[in-house]
Amino acid sequence: HKASIYGLSIISALFHQVGQILMVMV
């Protein structure tokens, strides 16, 4: 999708949080 650095960074931060929450749940 060739997102901007802002889009990539924000999405990366959001999915980092999602990954951690999912692992805590497991």
PDB file of all heavy atoms in Angstrom:
ATOM      1  N   HIS A   1       0.800  -1.225   0.000  1.00  0.00           N
ATOM      2  CA  HIS A   1       0.000   0.000   0.000  1.00  0.00           C
ATOM      3  C   HIS A   1       0.825   1.264   0.000  1.00  0.00           C
ATOM      4  O   HIS A   1       0.290   2.347  -0.154  1.00  0.00           O
ATOM      5  CB  HIS A   1      -0.966   0.021   1.185  1.00  0.00           C
ATOM      6  CG  HIS A   1      -1.996  -1.055   1.118  1.00  0.00           C
ATOM      7  ND1 HIS A   1      -2.990  -1.073   0.185  1.00  0.00           N
ATOM      8  CD2 HIS A   1      -2.167  -2.162   1.857  1.00  0.00           C
ATOM      9  CE1 HIS A   1      -3.741  -2.154   0.350  1.00  0.00           C
ATOM     10  NE2 HIS A   1      -3.258  -2.837   1.353  1.00  0.00           N
ATOM     11  N   LYS A   2       2.112   1.152   0.223  1.00  0.00           N
ATOM     12  CA  LYS A   2       3.017   2.303   0.213  1.00  0.00           C
ATOM     13  C   LYS A   2       2.512   3.446   1.092  1.00  0.00           C
ATOM     14  O   LYS A   2       2.444   4.595   0.685  1.00  0.00           O
ATOM     15  CB  LYS A   2       3.258   2.805  -1.210  1.00  0.00           C
ATOM     16  CG  LYS A   2       3.806   1.744  -2.139  1.00  0.00           C
ATOM     17  CD  LYS A   2       5.156   1.255  -1.683  1.00  0.00           C
ATOM     18  CE  LYS A   2       5.681   0.196  -2.642  1.00  0.00           C
ATOM     19  NZ  LYS A   2       6.762  -0.575  -2.110  1.00  0.00           N
ATOM     20  N   ALA A   3       2.139   3.134   2.310  1.00  0.00           N
ATOM     21  CA  ALA A   3       1.679   4.140   3.258  1.00  0.00           C
ATOM     22  C   ALA A   3       2.828   5.050   3.663  1.00  0.00           C
ATOM     23  O   ALA A   3       4.005   4.695   3.526  1.00  0.00           O
ATOM     24  CB  ALA A   3       1.103   3.462   4.508  1.00  0.00           C
ATOM     25  N   SER A   4       2.485   6.208   4.179  1.00  0.00           N
ATOM     26  CA  SER A   4       3.506   7.141   4.661  1.00  0.00           C
ATOM     27  C   SER A   4       4.150   6.582   5.926  1.00  0.00           C
ATOM     28  O   SER A   4       3.646   5.640   6.544  1.00  0.00           O
ATOM     29  CB  SER A   4       2.871   8.494   4.982  1.00  0.00           C
ATOM     30  OG  SER A   4       2.104   8.395   6.174  1.00  0.00           O
ATOM     31  N   ILE A   5       5.228   7.202   6.327  1.00  0.00           N
ATOM     32  CA  ILE A   5       5.914   6.777   7.547  1.00  0.00           C
ATOM     33  C   ILE A   5       4.995   6.959   8.759  1.00  0.00           C
ATOM     34  O   ILE A   5       5.047   6.174   9.701  1.00  0.00           O
ATOM     35  CB  ILE A   5       7.261   7.514   7.714  1.00  0.00           C
ATOM     36  CG1 ILE A   5       8.123   6.794   8.753  1.00  0.00           C
ATOM     37  CG2 ILE A   5       7.048   8.975   8.035  1.00  0.00           C
ATOM     38  CD1 ILE A   5       9.560   7.237   8.750  1.00  0.00           C
ATOM     39  N   TYR A   6       4.125   7.964   8.717  1.00  0.00           N
ATOM     40  CA  TYR A   6       3.182   8.172   9.818  1.00  0.00           C
ATOM     41  C   TYR A   6       2.169   7.037   9.879  1.00  0.00           C
ATOM     42  O   TYR A   6       1.890   6.503  10.948  1.00  0.00           O
ATOM     43  CB  TYR A   6       2.469   9.529   9.669  1.00  0.00           C
ATOM     44  CG  TYR A   6       3.355  10.684  10.069  1.00  0.00           C
ATOM     45  CD1 TYR A   6       4.197  11.287   9.144  1.00  0.00           C
ATOM     46  CD2 TYR A   6       3.372  11.160  11.368  1.00  0.00           C
ATOM     47  CE1 TYR A   6       5.023  12.336   9.504  1.00  0.00           C
ATOM     48  CE2 TYR A   6       4.190  12.203  11.742  1.00  0.00           C
ATOM     49  CZ  TYR A   6       5.020  12.786  10.807  1.00  0.00           C
ATOM     50  OH  TYR A   6       5.839  13.818  11.181  1.00  0.00           O
ATOM     51  N   GLY A   7       1.631   6.676   8.735  1.00  0.00           N
ATOM     52  CA  GLY A   7       0.675   5.574   8.698  1.00  0.00           C
ATOM     53  C   GLY A   7       1.294   4.280   9.171  1.00  0.00           C
ATOM     54  O   GLY A   7       0.716   3.548   9.980  1.00  0.00           O
ATOM     55  N   LEU A   8       2.506   3.987   8.686  1.00  0.00           N
ATOM     56  CA  LEU A   8       3.181   2.751   9.092  1.00  0.00           C
ATOM     57  C   LEU A   8       3.484   2.729  10.583  1.00  0.00           C
ATOM     58  O   LEU A   8       3.289   1.714  11.243  1.00  0.00           O
ATOM     59  CB  LEU A   8       4.479   2.569   8.310  1.00  0.00           C
ATOM     60  CG  LEU A   8       4.361   2.056   6.903  1.00  0.00           C
ATOM     61  CD1 LEU A   8       5.740   1.923   6.270  1.00  0.00           C
ATOM     62  CD2 LEU A   8       3.639   0.720   6.853  1.00  0.00           C
ATOM     63  N   SER A   9       3.975   3.829  11.092  1.00  0.00           N
ATOM     64  CA  SER A   9       4.356   3.874  12.498  1.00  0.00           C
ATOM     65  C   SER A   9       3.144   3.721  13.411  1.00  0.00           C
ATOM     66  O   SER A   9       3.184   2.981  14.400  1.00  0.00           O
ATOM     67  CB  SER A   9       5.083   5.183  12.804  1.00  0.00           C
ATOM     68  OG  SER A   9       5.518   5.205  14.142  1.00  0.00           O
ATOM     69  N   ILE A  10       2.072   4.397  13.084  1.00  0.00           N
ATOM     70  CA  ILE A  10       0.857   4.302  13.909  1.00  0.00           C
ATOM     71  C   ILE A  10       0.279   2.897  13.834  1.00  0.00           C
ATOM     72  O   ILE A  10      -0.073   2.305  14.856  1.00  0.00           O
ATOM     73  CB  ILE A  10      -0.167   5.385  13.498  1.00  0.00           C
ATOM     74  CG1 ILE A  10       0.374   6.768  13.886  1.00  0.00           C
ATOM     75  CG2 ILE A  10      -1.532   5.122  14.142  1.00  0.00           C
ATOM     76  CD1 ILE A  10      -0.401   7.930  13.301  1.00  0.00           C
ATOM     77  N   ILE A  11       0.195   2.343  12.640  1.00  0.00           N
ATOM     78  CA  ILE A  11      -0.328   0.982  12.493  1.00  0.00           C
ATOM     79  C   ILE A  11       0.559  -0.016  13.230  1.00  0.00           C
ATOM     80  O   ILE A  11       0.077  -0.932  13.899  1.00  0.00           O
ATOM     81  CB  ILE A  11      -0.483   0.624  10.999  1.00  0.00           C
ATOM     82  CG1 ILE A  11      -1.674   1.400  10.428  1.00  0.00           C
ATOM     83  CG2 ILE A  11      -0.651  -0.870  10.798  1.00  0.00           C
ATOM     84  CD1 ILE A  11      -1.782   1.381   8.936  1.00  0.00           C
ATOM     85  N   SER A  12       1.862   0.168  13.121  1.00  0.00           N
ATOM     86  CA  SER A  12       2.794  -0.705  13.828  1.00  0.00           C
ATOM     87  C   SER A  12       2.563  -0.642  15.335  1.00  0.00           C
ATOM     88  O   SER A  12       2.503  -1.677  16.010  1.00  0.00           O
ATOM     89  CB  SER A  12       4.236  -0.304  13.507  1.00  0.00           C
ATOM     90  OG  SER A  12       5.141  -1.114  14.208  1.00  0.00           O
ATOM     91  N   ALA A  13       2.420   0.563  15.863  1.00  0.00           N
ATOM     92  CA  ALA A  13       2.173   0.716  17.308  1.00  0.00           C
ATOM     93  C   ALA A  13       0.855   0.068  17.720  1.00  0.00           C
ATOM     94  O   ALA A  13       0.780  -0.606  18.756  1.00  0.00           O
ATOM     95  CB  ALA A  13       2.182   2.202  17.684  1.00  0.00           C
ATOM     96  N   LEU A  14      -0.176   0.238  16.912  1.00  0.00           N
ATOM     97  CA  LEU A  14      -1.478  -0.338  17.235  1.00  0.00           C
ATOM     98  C   LEU A  14      -1.417  -1.863  17.249  1.00  0.00           C
ATOM     99  O   LEU A  14      -1.925  -2.512  18.173  1.00  0.00           O
ATOM    100  CB  LEU A  14      -2.542   0.145  16.251  1.00  0.00           C
ATOM    101  CG  LEU A  14      -2.831   1.644  16.242  1.00  0.00           C
ATOM    102  CD1 LEU A  14      -3.870   1.982  15.181  1.00  0.00           C
ATOM    103  CD2 LEU A  14      -3.257   2.147  17.612  1.00  0.00           C
ATOM    104  N   PHE A  15      -0.785  -2.441  16.238  1.00  0.00           N
ATOM    105  CA  PHE A  15      -0.722  -3.902  16.185  1.00  0.00           C
ATOM    106  C   PHE A  15       0.250  -4.487  17.207  1.00  0.00           C
ATOM    107  O   PHE A  15       0.090  -5.634  17.626  1.00  0.00           O
ATOM    108  CB  PHE A  15      -0.443  -4.393  14.762  1.00  0.00           C
ATOM    109  CG  PHE A  15      -1.695  -4.447  13.945  1.00  0.00           C
ATOM    110  CD1 PHE A  15      -2.065  -3.378  13.148  1.00  0.00           C
ATOM    111  CD2 PHE A  15      -2.537  -5.551  14.012  1.00  0.00           C
ATOM    112  CE1 PHE A  15      -3.248  -3.415  12.416  1.00  0.00           C
ATOM    113  CE2 PHE A  15      -3.715  -5.600  13.285  1.00  0.00           C
ATOM    114  CZ  PHE A  15      -4.071  -4.531  12.491  1.00  0.00           C
ATOM    115  N   HIS A  16       1.217  -3.701  17.629  1.00  0.00           N
ATOM    116  CA  HIS A  16       2.073  -4.141  18.733  1.00  0.00           C
ATOM    117  C   HIS A  16       1.216  -4.323  19.987  1.00  0.00           C
ATOM    118  O   HIS A  16       1.319  -5.336  20.682  1.00  0.00           O
ATOM    119  CB  HIS A  16       3.190  -3.117  18.991  1.00  0.00           C
ATOM    120  CG  HIS A  16       4.152  -3.552  20.034  1.00  0.00           C
ATOM    121  ND1 HIS A  16       5.257  -4.310  19.748  1.00  0.00           N
ATOM    122  CD2 HIS A  16       4.167  -3.355  21.369  1.00  0.00           C
ATOM    123  CE1 HIS A  16       5.912  -4.555  20.867  1.00  0.00           C
ATOM    124  NE2 HIS A  16       5.270  -3.977  21.861  1.00  0.00           N
ATOM    125  N   GLN A  17       0.350  -3.359  20.232  1.00  0.00           N
ATOM    126  CA  GLN A  17      -0.544  -3.430  21.395  1.00  0.00           C
ATOM    127  C   GLN A  17      -1.518  -4.605  21.265  1.00  0.00           C
ATOM    128  O   GLN A  17      -1.760  -5.325  22.238  1.00  0.00           O
ATOM    129  CB  GLN A  17      -1.327  -2.114  21.556  1.00  0.00           C
ATOM    130  CG  GLN A  17      -0.473  -0.881  21.673  1.00  0.00           C
ATOM    131  CD  GLN A  17       0.293  -0.795  22.971  1.00  0.00           C
ATOM    132  OE1 GLN A  17       0.631  -1.780  23.606  1.00  0.00           O
ATOM    133  NE2 GLN A  17       0.596   0.423  23.383  1.00  0.00           N
ATOM    134  N   VAL A  18      -2.067  -4.787  20.078  1.00  0.00           N
ATOM    135  CA  VAL A  18      -2.995  -5.905  19.852  1.00  0.00           C
ATOM    136  C   VAL A  18      -2.290  -7.237  20.113  1.00  0.00           C
ATOM    137  O   VAL A  18      -2.824  -8.121  20.783  1.00  0.00           O
ATOM    138  CB  VAL A  18      -3.576  -5.869  18.412  1.00  0.00           C
ATOM    139  CG1 VAL A  18      -4.317  -7.160  18.085  1.00  0.00           C
ATOM    140  CG2 VAL A  18      -4.495  -4.656  18.251  1.00  0.00           C
ATOM    141  N   GLY A  19      -1.072  -7.379  19.591  1.00  0.00           N
ATOM    142  CA  GLY A  19      -0.314  -8.617  19.796  1.00  0.00           C
ATOM    143  C   GLY A  19      -0.070  -8.897  21.267  1.00  0.00           C
ATOM    144  O   GLY A  19      -0.208 -10.039  21.735  1.00  0.00           O
ATOM    145  N   GLN A  20       0.280  -7.866  22.009  1.00  0.00           N
ATOM    146  CA  GLN A  20       0.533  -8.055  23.433  1.00  0.00           C
ATOM    147  C   GLN A  20      -0.743  -8.422  24.193  1.00  0.00           C
ATOM    148  O   GLN A  20      -0.727  -9.320  25.031  1.00  0.00           O
ATOM    149  CB  GLN A  20       1.170  -6.805  24.031  1.00  0.00           C
ATOM    150  CG  GLN A  20       2.602  -6.634  23.585  1.00  0.00           C
ATOM    151  CD  GLN A  20       3.315  -5.531  24.328  1.00  0.00           C
ATOM    152  OE1 GLN A  20       2.724  -4.534  24.721  1.00  0.00           O
ATOM    153  NE2 GLN A  20       4.612  -5.710  24.521  1.00  0.00           N
ATOM    154  N   ILE A  21      -1.822  -7.746  23.903  1.00  0.00           N
ATOM    155  CA  ILE A  21      -3.092  -8.058  24.583  1.00  0.00           C
ATOM    156  C   ILE A  21      -3.529  -9.483  24.265  1.00  0.00           C
ATOM    157  O   ILE A  21      -3.958 -10.231  25.148  1.00  0.00           O
ATOM    158  CB  ILE A  21      -4.199  -7.049  24.204  1.00  0.00           C
ATOM    159  CG1 ILE A  21      -3.952  -5.710  24.889  1.00  0.00           C
ATOM    160  CG2 ILE A  21      -5.588  -7.574  24.541  1.00  0.00           C
ATOM    161  CD1 ILE A  21      -4.148  -5.711  26.404  1.00  0.00           C
ATOM    162  N   LEU A  22      -3.426  -9.882  23.000  1.00  0.00           N
ATOM    163  CA  LEU A  22      -3.804 -11.253  22.632  1.00  0.00           C
ATOM    164  C   LEU A  22      -2.954 -12.273  23.391  1.00  0.00           C
ATOM    165  O   LEU A  22      -3.471 -13.290  23.871  1.00  0.00           O
ATOM    166  CB  LEU A  22      -3.683 -11.462  21.131  1.00  0.00           C
ATOM    167  CG  LEU A  22      -4.708 -10.735  20.261  1.00  0.00           C
ATOM    168  CD1 LEU A  22      -4.376 -10.901  18.786  1.00  0.00           C
ATOM    169  CD2 LEU A  22      -6.120 -11.205  20.573  1.00  0.00           C
ATOM    170  N   MET A  23      -1.660 -12.013  23.526  1.00  0.00           N
ATOM    171  CA  MET A  23      -0.793 -12.947  24.241  1.00  0.00           C
ATOM    172  C   MET A  23      -1.108 -12.978  25.735  1.00  0.00           C
ATOM    173  O   MET A  23      -1.095 -14.046  26.343  1.00  0.00           O
ATOM    174  CB  MET A  23       0.679 -12.597  24.012  1.00  0.00           C
ATOM    175  CG  MET A  23       1.626 -13.596  24.647  1.00  0.00           C
ATOM    176  SD  MET A  23       1.316 -15.348  24.198  1.00  0.00           S
ATOM    177  CE  MET A  23       1.809 -15.384  22.506  1.00  0.00           C
ATOM    178  N   VAL A  24      -1.420 -11.843  26.319  1.00  0.00           N
ATOM    179  CA  VAL A  24      -1.828 -11.823  27.729  1.00  0.00           C
ATOM    180  C   VAL A  24      -3.103 -12.644  27.907  1.00  0.00           C
ATOM    181  O   VAL A  24      -3.238 -13.416  28.863  1.00  0.00           O
ATOM    182  CB  VAL A  24      -2.033 -10.377  28.241  1.00  0.00           C
ATOM    183  CG1 VAL A  24      -2.766 -10.347  29.576  1.00  0.00           C
ATOM    184  CG2 VAL A  24      -0.691  -9.661  28.363  1.00  0.00           C
ATOM    185  N   MET A  25      -4.026 -12.496  26.974  1.00  0.00           N
ATOM    186  CA  MET A  25      -5.269 -13.259  27.046  1.00  0.00           C
ATOM    187  C   MET A  25      -4.993 -14.756  26.982  1.00  0.00           C
ATOM    188  O   MET A  25      -5.625 -15.540  27.690  1.00  0.00           O
ATOM    189  CB  MET A  25      -6.215 -12.825  25.922  1.00  0.00           C
ATOM    190  CG  MET A  25      -6.764 -11.419  26.109  1.00  0.00           C
ATOM    191  SD  MET A  25      -7.615 -10.749  24.654  1.00  0.00           S
ATOM    192  CE  MET A  25      -8.906 -11.944  24.403  1.00  0.00           C
ATOM    193  N   VAL A  26      -4.037 -15.162  26.150  1.00  0.00           N
ATOM    194  CA  VAL A  26      -3.692 -16.582  26.024  1.00  0.00           C
ATOM    195  C   VAL A  26      -2.946 -17.067  27.264  1.00  0.00           C
ATOM    196  O   VAL A  26      -3.291 -18.109  27.839  1.00  0.00           O
ATOM    197  CB  VAL A  26      -2.838 -16.821  24.748  1.00  0.00           C
ATOM    198  CG1 VAL A  26      -2.235 -18.211  24.746  1.00  0.00           C
ATOM    199  CG2 VAL A  26      -3.683 -16.596  23.504  1.00  0.00           C
TER     200      VAL A  26
END
